[in-house]
Amino acid sequence: MRTTLWALEGLEHILFGSGRRVARRNAWTAVLEDRRRADARHEAESYLASAARPKASTAT
Protein backbone atom coordinates (compact mmCIF):
# COMPACT_ATOMS: atom_id res chain seq x y z
CA MET A 1 0.00 0.00 0.00
CA ARG A 2 2.81 2.41 0.90
CA THR A 3 4.60 1.82 -2.40
CA THR A 4 1.45 2.66 -4.34
CA LEU A 5 1.09 5.90 -2.39
CA TRP A 6 4.72 6.82 -3.09
CA ALA A 7 4.24 6.07 -6.78
CA LEU A 8 1.14 8.27 -6.95
CA GLU A 9 2.91 11.08 -5.09
CA GLY A 10 5.85 10.82 -7.49
CA LEU A 11 3.54 10.96 -10.48
CA GLU A 12 1.73 13.95 -9.01
CA HIS A 13 5.05 15.71 -8.49
CA ILE A 14 6.05 15.12 -12.11
CA LEU A 15 2.69 16.20 -13.55
CA PHE A 16 1.85 19.12 -11.26
CA GLY A 17 5.23 20.30 -9.99
CA SER A 18 5.38 23.49 -12.04
CA GLY A 19 1.75 24.27 -11.28
CA ARG A 20 2.51 24.34 -7.60
CA ARG A 21 5.39 26.72 -8.19
CA VAL A 22 3.11 29.04 -10.14
CA ALA A 23 0.45 28.83 -7.43
CA ARG A 24 3.01 29.58 -4.73
CA ARG A 25 4.36 32.55 -6.72
CA ASN A 26 0.81 33.86 -7.29
CA ALA A 27 0.02 33.51 -3.59
CA TRP A 28 3.18 35.42 -2.63
CA THR A 29 2.34 38.17 -5.14
CA ALA A 30 -1.12 38.43 -3.56
CA VAL A 31 0.42 38.73 -0.08
CA LEU A 32 2.72 41.53 -1.24
CA GLU A 33 -0.18 43.35 -2.91
CA ASP A 34 -2.29 43.04 0.26
CA ARG A 35 0.59 44.53 2.28
CA ARG A 36 0.91 47.39 -0.21
CA ARG A 37 -2.82 48.13 0.01
CA ALA A 38 -2.70 47.98 3.82
CA ASP A 39 0.19 50.47 3.87
CA ALA A 40 -1.67 52.80 1.50
CA ARG A 41 -4.85 52.51 3.58
CA HIS A 42 -2.92 53.27 6.78
CA GLU A 43 -1.27 56.28 5.16
CA ALA A 44 -4.63 57.59 3.93
CA GLU A 45 -6.24 57.11 7.35
CA SER A 46 -3.36 58.97 9.01
CA TYR A 47 -3.65 61.81 6.51
CA LEU A 48 -7.43 62.08 6.97
CA ALA A 49 -7.11 61.96 10.75
CA SER A 50 -4.54 64.74 10.75
CA ALA A 51 -6.69 66.83 8.39
CA ALA A 52 -9.72 66.38 10.66
CA ARG A 53 -7.91 67.61 13.78
CA PRO A 54 -8.61 71.23 14.69
CA LYS A 55 -5.68 73.53 13.99
CA ALA A 56 -4.03 75.00 17.06
CA SER A 57 -4.33 78.72 17.20
CA THR A 58 -0.96 80.53 17.13
CA ALA A 59 -2.46 83.93 17.97
CA THR A 60 -2.19 85.00 21.61
PDB file of N, CA and C in Angstrom:
ATOM      1  N   MET A   1       0.828  -1.193   0.000  1.00  0.00           N
ATOM      2  CA  MET A   1       0.000   0.000   0.000  1.00  0.00           C
ATOM      3  C   MET A   1       0.871   1.255   0.000  1.00  0.00           C
ATOM      4  N   ARG A   2       1.925   1.249   0.795  1.00  0.00           N
ATOM      5  CA  ARG A   2       2.807   2.409   0.899  1.00  0.00           C
ATOM      6  C   ARG A   2       3.508   2.674  -0.428  1.00  0.00           C
ATOM      7  N   THR A   3       3.922   1.655  -1.120  1.00  0.00           N
ATOM      8  CA  THR A   3       4.605   1.817  -2.399  1.00  0.00           C
ATOM      9  C   THR A   3       3.678   2.462  -3.428  1.00  0.00           C
ATOM     10  N   THR A   4       2.416   2.076  -3.412  1.00  0.00           N
ATOM     11  CA  THR A   4       1.453   2.664  -4.337  1.00  0.00           C
ATOM     12  C   THR A   4       1.282   4.154  -4.045  1.00  0.00           C
ATOM     13  N   LEU A   5       1.218   4.498  -2.772  1.00  0.00           N
ATOM     14  CA  LEU A   5       1.094   5.897  -2.385  1.00  0.00           C
ATOM     15  C   LEU A   5       2.306   6.686  -2.854  1.00  0.00           C
ATOM     16  N   TRP A   6       3.497   6.133  -2.651  1.00  0.00           N
ATOM     17  CA  TRP A   6       4.722   6.817  -3.092  1.00  0.00           C
ATOM     18  C   TRP A   6       4.736   6.990  -4.608  1.00  0.00           C
ATOM     19  N   ALA A   7       4.277   5.985  -5.318  1.00  0.00           N
ATOM     20  CA  ALA A   7       4.236   6.070  -6.778  1.00  0.00           C
ATOM     21  C   ALA A   7       3.258   7.165  -7.228  1.00  0.00           C
ATOM     22  N   LEU A   8       2.109   7.228  -6.600  1.00  0.00           N
ATOM     23  CA  LEU A   8       1.145   8.267  -6.953  1.00  0.00           C
ATOM     24  C   LEU A   8       1.665   9.663  -6.606  1.00  0.00           C
ATOM     25  N   GLU A   9       2.337   9.787  -5.454  1.00  0.00           N
ATOM     26  CA  GLU A   9       2.911  11.081  -5.089  1.00  0.00           C
ATOM     27  C   GLU A   9       4.006  11.485  -6.071  1.00  0.00           C
ATOM     28  N   GLY A  10       4.812  10.534  -6.499  1.00  0.00           N
ATOM     29  CA  GLY A  10       5.848  10.822  -7.487  1.00  0.00           C
ATOM     30  C   GLY A  10       5.261  11.265  -8.810  1.00  0.00           C
ATOM     31  N   LEU A  11       4.218  10.593  -9.243  1.00  0.00           N
ATOM     32  CA  LEU A  11       3.539  10.957 -10.485  1.00  0.00           C
ATOM     33  C   LEU A  11       2.910  12.350 -10.372  1.00  0.00           C
ATOM     34  N   GLU A  12       2.318  12.632  -9.232  1.00  0.00           N
ATOM     35  CA  GLU A  12       1.730  13.948  -9.009  1.00  0.00           C
ATOM     36  C   GLU A  12       2.814  15.031  -9.065  1.00  0.00           C
ATOM     37  N   HIS A  13       3.943  14.751  -8.483  1.00  0.00           N
ATOM     38  CA  HIS A  13       5.047  15.714  -8.493  1.00  0.00           C
ATOM     39  C   HIS A  13       5.506  15.995  -9.924  1.00  0.00           C
ATOM     40  N   ILE A  14       5.613  14.964 -10.723  1.00  0.00           N
ATOM     41  CA  ILE A  14       6.054  15.125 -12.113  1.00  0.00           C
ATOM     42  C   ILE A  14       5.012  15.914 -12.921  1.00  0.00           C
ATOM     43  N   LEU A  15       3.737  15.581 -12.749  1.00  0.00           N
ATOM     44  CA  LEU A  15       2.689  16.202 -13.554  1.00  0.00           C
ATOM     45  C   LEU A  15       2.331  17.617 -13.092  1.00  0.00           C
ATOM     46  N   PHE A  16       2.354  17.858 -11.786  1.00  0.00           N
ATOM     47  CA  PHE A  16       1.855  19.124 -11.259  1.00  0.00           C
ATOM     48  C   PHE A  16       2.916  19.965 -10.563  1.00  0.00           C
ATOM     49  N   GLY A  17       4.163  19.588 -10.687  1.00  0.00           N
ATOM     50  CA  GLY A  17       5.230  20.304  -9.991  1.00  0.00           C
ATOM     51  C   GLY A  17       5.304  21.773 -10.356  1.00  0.00           C
ATOM     52  N   SER A  18       5.270  22.100 -11.629  1.00  0.00           N
ATOM     53  CA  SER A  18       5.384  23.494 -12.036  1.00  0.00           C
ATOM     54  C   SER A  18       4.123  24.267 -11.669  1.00  0.00           C
ATOM     55  N   GLY A  19       2.989  23.612 -11.666  1.00  0.00           N
ATOM     56  CA  GLY A  19       1.745  24.271 -11.285  1.00  0.00           C
ATOM     57  C   GLY A  19       1.778  24.739  -9.843  1.00  0.00           C
ATOM     58  N   ARG A  20       2.387  23.948  -9.001  1.00  0.00           N
ATOM     59  CA  ARG A  20       2.511  24.340  -7.599  1.00  0.00           C
ATOM     60  C   ARG A  20       3.428  25.543  -7.462  1.00  0.00           C
ATOM     61  N   ARG A  21       4.486  25.574  -8.251  1.00  0.00           N
ATOM     62  CA  ARG A  21       5.394  26.725  -8.194  1.00  0.00           C
ATOM     63  C   ARG A  21       4.669  27.989  -8.616  1.00  0.00           C
ATOM     64  N   VAL A  22       3.873  27.886  -9.661  1.00  0.00           N
ATOM     65  CA  VAL A  22       3.113  29.041 -10.137  1.00  0.00           C
ATOM     66  C   VAL A  22       2.104  29.466  -9.071  1.00  0.00           C
ATOM     67  N   ALA A  23       1.426  28.514  -8.468  1.00  0.00           N
ATOM     68  CA  ALA A  23       0.445  28.835  -7.429  1.00  0.00           C
ATOM     69  C   ALA A  23       1.124  29.501  -6.237  1.00  0.00           C
ATOM     70  N   ARG A  24       2.278  28.995  -5.850  1.00  0.00           N
ATOM     71  CA  ARG A  24       3.014  29.585  -4.730  1.00  0.00           C
ATOM     72  C   ARG A  24       3.448  31.008  -5.064  1.00  0.00           C
ATOM     73  N   ARG A  25       3.927  31.217  -6.298  1.00  0.00           N
ATOM     74  CA  ARG A  25       4.355  32.552  -6.724  1.00  0.00           C
ATOM     75  C   ARG A  25       3.157  33.506  -6.761  1.00  0.00           C
ATOM     76  N   ASN A  26       2.014  33.035  -7.261  1.00  0.00           N
ATOM     77  CA  ASN A  26       0.810  33.860  -7.290  1.00  0.00           C
ATOM     78  C   ASN A  26       0.345  34.212  -5.879  1.00  0.00           C
ATOM     79  N   ALA A  27       0.431  33.262  -4.967  1.00  0.00           N
ATOM     80  CA  ALA A  27       0.024  33.513  -3.587  1.00  0.00           C
ATOM     81  C   ALA A  27       0.937  34.558  -2.954  1.00  0.00           C
ATOM     82  N   TRP A  28       2.237  34.458  -3.201  1.00  0.00           N
ATOM     83  CA  TRP A  28       3.180  35.420  -2.629  1.00  0.00           C
ATOM     84  C   TRP A  28       2.934  36.810  -3.217  1.00  0.00           C
ATOM     85  N   THR A  29       2.650  36.885  -4.507  1.00  0.00           N
ATOM     86  CA  THR A  29       2.339  38.166  -5.135  1.00  0.00           C
ATOM     87  C   THR A  29       1.093  38.774  -4.499  1.00  0.00           C
ATOM     88  N   ALA A  30       0.103  37.951  -4.207  1.00  0.00           N
ATOM     89  CA  ALA A  30      -1.121  38.435  -3.563  1.00  0.00           C
ATOM     90  C   ALA A  30      -0.826  38.954  -2.159  1.00  0.00           C
ATOM     91  N   VAL A  31       0.040  38.276  -1.430  1.00  0.00           N
ATOM     92  CA  VAL A  31       0.419  38.732  -0.084  1.00  0.00           C
ATOM     93  C   VAL A  31       1.091  40.098  -0.162  1.00  0.00           C
ATOM     94  N   LEU A  32       2.028  40.249  -1.090  1.00  0.00           N
ATOM     95  CA  LEU A  32       2.720  41.527  -1.236  1.00  0.00           C
ATOM     96  C   LEU A  32       1.760  42.642  -1.626  1.00  0.00           C
ATOM     97  N   GLU A  33       0.809  42.349  -2.502  1.00  0.00           N
ATOM     98  CA  GLU A  33      -0.179  43.345  -2.912  1.00  0.00           C
ATOM     99  C   GLU A  33      -1.083  43.725  -1.740  1.00  0.00           C
ATOM    100  N   ASP A  34      -1.478  42.747  -0.924  1.00  0.00           N
ATOM    101  CA  ASP A  34      -2.285  43.041   0.261  1.00  0.00           C
ATOM    102  C   ASP A  34      -1.523  43.942   1.226  1.00  0.00           C
ATOM    103  N   ARG A  35      -0.235  43.678   1.400  1.00  0.00           N
ATOM    104  CA  ARG A  35       0.587  44.528   2.276  1.00  0.00           C
ATOM    105  C   ARG A  35       0.673  45.941   1.725  1.00  0.00           C
ATOM    106  N   ARG A  36       0.825  46.071   0.393  1.00  0.00           N
ATOM    107  CA  ARG A  36       0.911  47.391  -0.214  1.00  0.00           C
ATOM    108  C   ARG A  36      -0.388  48.161  -0.003  1.00  0.00           C
ATOM    109  N   ARG A  37      -1.523  47.475  -0.202  1.00  0.00           N
ATOM    110  CA  ARG A  37      -2.815  48.126   0.014  1.00  0.00           C
ATOM    111  C   ARG A  37      -3.014  48.513   1.472  1.00  0.00           C
ATOM    112  N   ALA A  38      -2.580  47.668   2.394  1.00  0.00           N
ATOM    113  CA  ALA A  38      -2.699  47.981   3.823  1.00  0.00           C
ATOM    114  C   ALA A  38      -1.854  49.206   4.171  1.00  0.00           C
ATOM    115  N   ASP A  39      -0.652  49.293   3.627  1.00  0.00           N
ATOM    116  CA  ASP A  39       0.191  50.467   3.870  1.00  0.00           C
ATOM    117  C   ASP A  39      -0.464  51.729   3.316  1.00  0.00           C
ATOM    118  N   ALA A  40      -1.012  51.641   2.114  1.00  0.00           N
ATOM    119  CA  ALA A  40      -1.670  52.795   1.504  1.00  0.00           C
ATOM    120  C   ALA A  40      -2.900  53.197   2.310  1.00  0.00           C
ATOM    121  N   ARG A  41      -3.657  52.217   2.781  1.00  0.00           N
ATOM    122  CA  ARG A  41      -4.848  52.508   3.584  1.00  0.00           C
ATOM    123  C   ARG A  41      -4.453  53.182   4.895  1.00  0.00           C
ATOM    124  N   HIS A  42      -3.398  52.679   5.532  1.00  0.00           N
ATOM    125  CA  HIS A  42      -2.918  53.270   6.785  1.00  0.00           C
ATOM    126  C   HIS A  42      -2.457  54.709   6.556  1.00  0.00           C
ATOM    127  N   GLU A  43      -1.738  54.935   5.481  1.00  0.00           N
ATOM    128  CA  GLU A  43      -1.268  56.279   5.162  1.00  0.00           C
ATOM    129  C   GLU A  43      -2.451  57.223   4.920  1.00  0.00           C
ATOM    130  N   ALA A  44      -3.456  56.766   4.192  1.00  0.00           N
ATOM    131  CA  ALA A  44      -4.632  57.591   3.926  1.00  0.00           C
ATOM    132  C   ALA A  44      -5.403  57.887   5.218  1.00  0.00           C
ATOM    133  N   GLU A  45      -5.540  56.895   6.079  1.00  0.00           N
ATOM    134  CA  GLU A  45      -6.237  57.106   7.346  1.00  0.00           C
ATOM    135  C   GLU A  45      -5.492  58.116   8.210  1.00  0.00           C
ATOM    136  N   SER A  46      -4.167  58.021   8.236  1.00  0.00           N
ATOM    137  CA  SER A  46      -3.364  58.970   9.011  1.00  0.00           C
ATOM    138  C   SER A  46      -3.519  60.381   8.462  1.00  0.00           C
ATOM    139  N   TYR A  47      -3.503  60.506   7.140  1.00  0.00           N
ATOM    140  CA  TYR A  47      -3.653  61.810   6.510  1.00  0.00           C
ATOM    141  C   TYR A  47      -5.022  62.406   6.818  1.00  0.00           C
ATOM    142  N   LEU A  48      -6.081  61.594   6.690  1.00  0.00           N
ATOM    143  CA  LEU A  48      -7.427  62.083   6.967  1.00  0.00           C
ATOM    144  C   LEU A  48      -7.601  62.442   8.436  1.00  0.00           C
ATOM    145  N   ALA A  49      -7.006  61.654   9.320  1.00  0.00           N
ATOM    146  CA  ALA A  49      -7.113  61.956  10.751  1.00  0.00           C
ATOM    147  C   ALA A  49      -6.402  63.266  11.080  1.00  0.00           C
ATOM    148  N   SER A  50      -5.246  63.490  10.479  1.00  0.00           N
ATOM    149  CA  SER A  50      -4.537  64.740  10.752  1.00  0.00           C
ATOM    150  C   SER A  50      -5.268  65.926  10.138  1.00  0.00           C
ATOM    151  N   ALA A  51      -5.932  65.745   9.017  1.00  0.00           N
ATOM    152  CA  ALA A  51      -6.685  66.826   8.392  1.00  0.00           C
ATOM    153  C   ALA A  51      -7.946  67.145   9.188  1.00  0.00           C
ATOM    154  N   ALA A  52      -8.490  66.176   9.897  1.00  0.00           N
ATOM    155  CA  ALA A  52      -9.719  66.379  10.657  1.00  0.00           C
ATOM    156  C   ALA A  52      -9.458  67.028  12.008  1.00  0.00           C
ATOM    157  N   ARG A  53      -8.219  67.003  12.485  1.00  0.00           N
ATOM    158  CA  ARG A  53      -7.905  67.609  13.780  1.00  0.00           C
ATOM    159  C   ARG A  53      -8.007  69.133  13.663  1.00  0.00           C
ATOM    160  N   PRO A  54      -8.548  69.756  14.721  1.00  0.00           N
ATOM    161  CA  PRO A  54      -8.609  71.227  14.686  1.00  0.00           C
ATOM    162  C   PRO A  54      -7.194  71.809  14.752  1.00  0.00           C
ATOM    163  N   LYS A  55      -6.999  72.880  14.008  1.00  0.00           N
ATOM    164  CA  LYS A  55      -5.684  73.526  13.990  1.00  0.00           C
ATOM    165  C   LYS A  55      -5.510  74.316  15.282  1.00  0.00           C
ATOM    166  N   ALA A  56      -4.329  74.234  15.838  1.00  0.00           N
ATOM    167  CA  ALA A  56      -4.027  74.997  17.060  1.00  0.00           C
ATOM    168  C   ALA A  56      -3.843  76.455  16.684  1.00  0.00           C
ATOM    169  N   SER A  57      -4.425  77.284  17.453  1.00  0.00           N
ATOM    170  CA  SER A  57      -4.331  78.721  17.203  1.00  0.00           C
ATOM    171  C   SER A  57      -2.958  79.221  17.648  1.00  0.00           C
ATOM    172  N   THR A  58      -2.274  79.985  16.793  1.00  0.00           N
ATOM    173  CA  THR A  58      -0.955  80.535  17.134  1.00  0.00           C
ATOM    174  C   THR A  58      -1.080  81.954  17.646  1.00  0.00           C
ATOM    175  N   ALA A  59      -2.256  82.553  17.506  1.00  0.00           N
ATOM    176  CA  ALA A  59      -2.458  83.934  17.973  1.00  0.00           C
ATOM    177  C   ALA A  59      -2.640  83.931  19.485  1.00  0.00           C
ATOM    178  N   THR A  60      -2.059  84.910  20.146  1.00  0.00           N
ATOM    179  CA  THR A  60      -2.193  84.997  21.612  1.00  0.00           C
ATOM    180  C   THR A  60      -2.882  86.258  22.034  1.00  0.00           C
TER     181      THR A  60
END
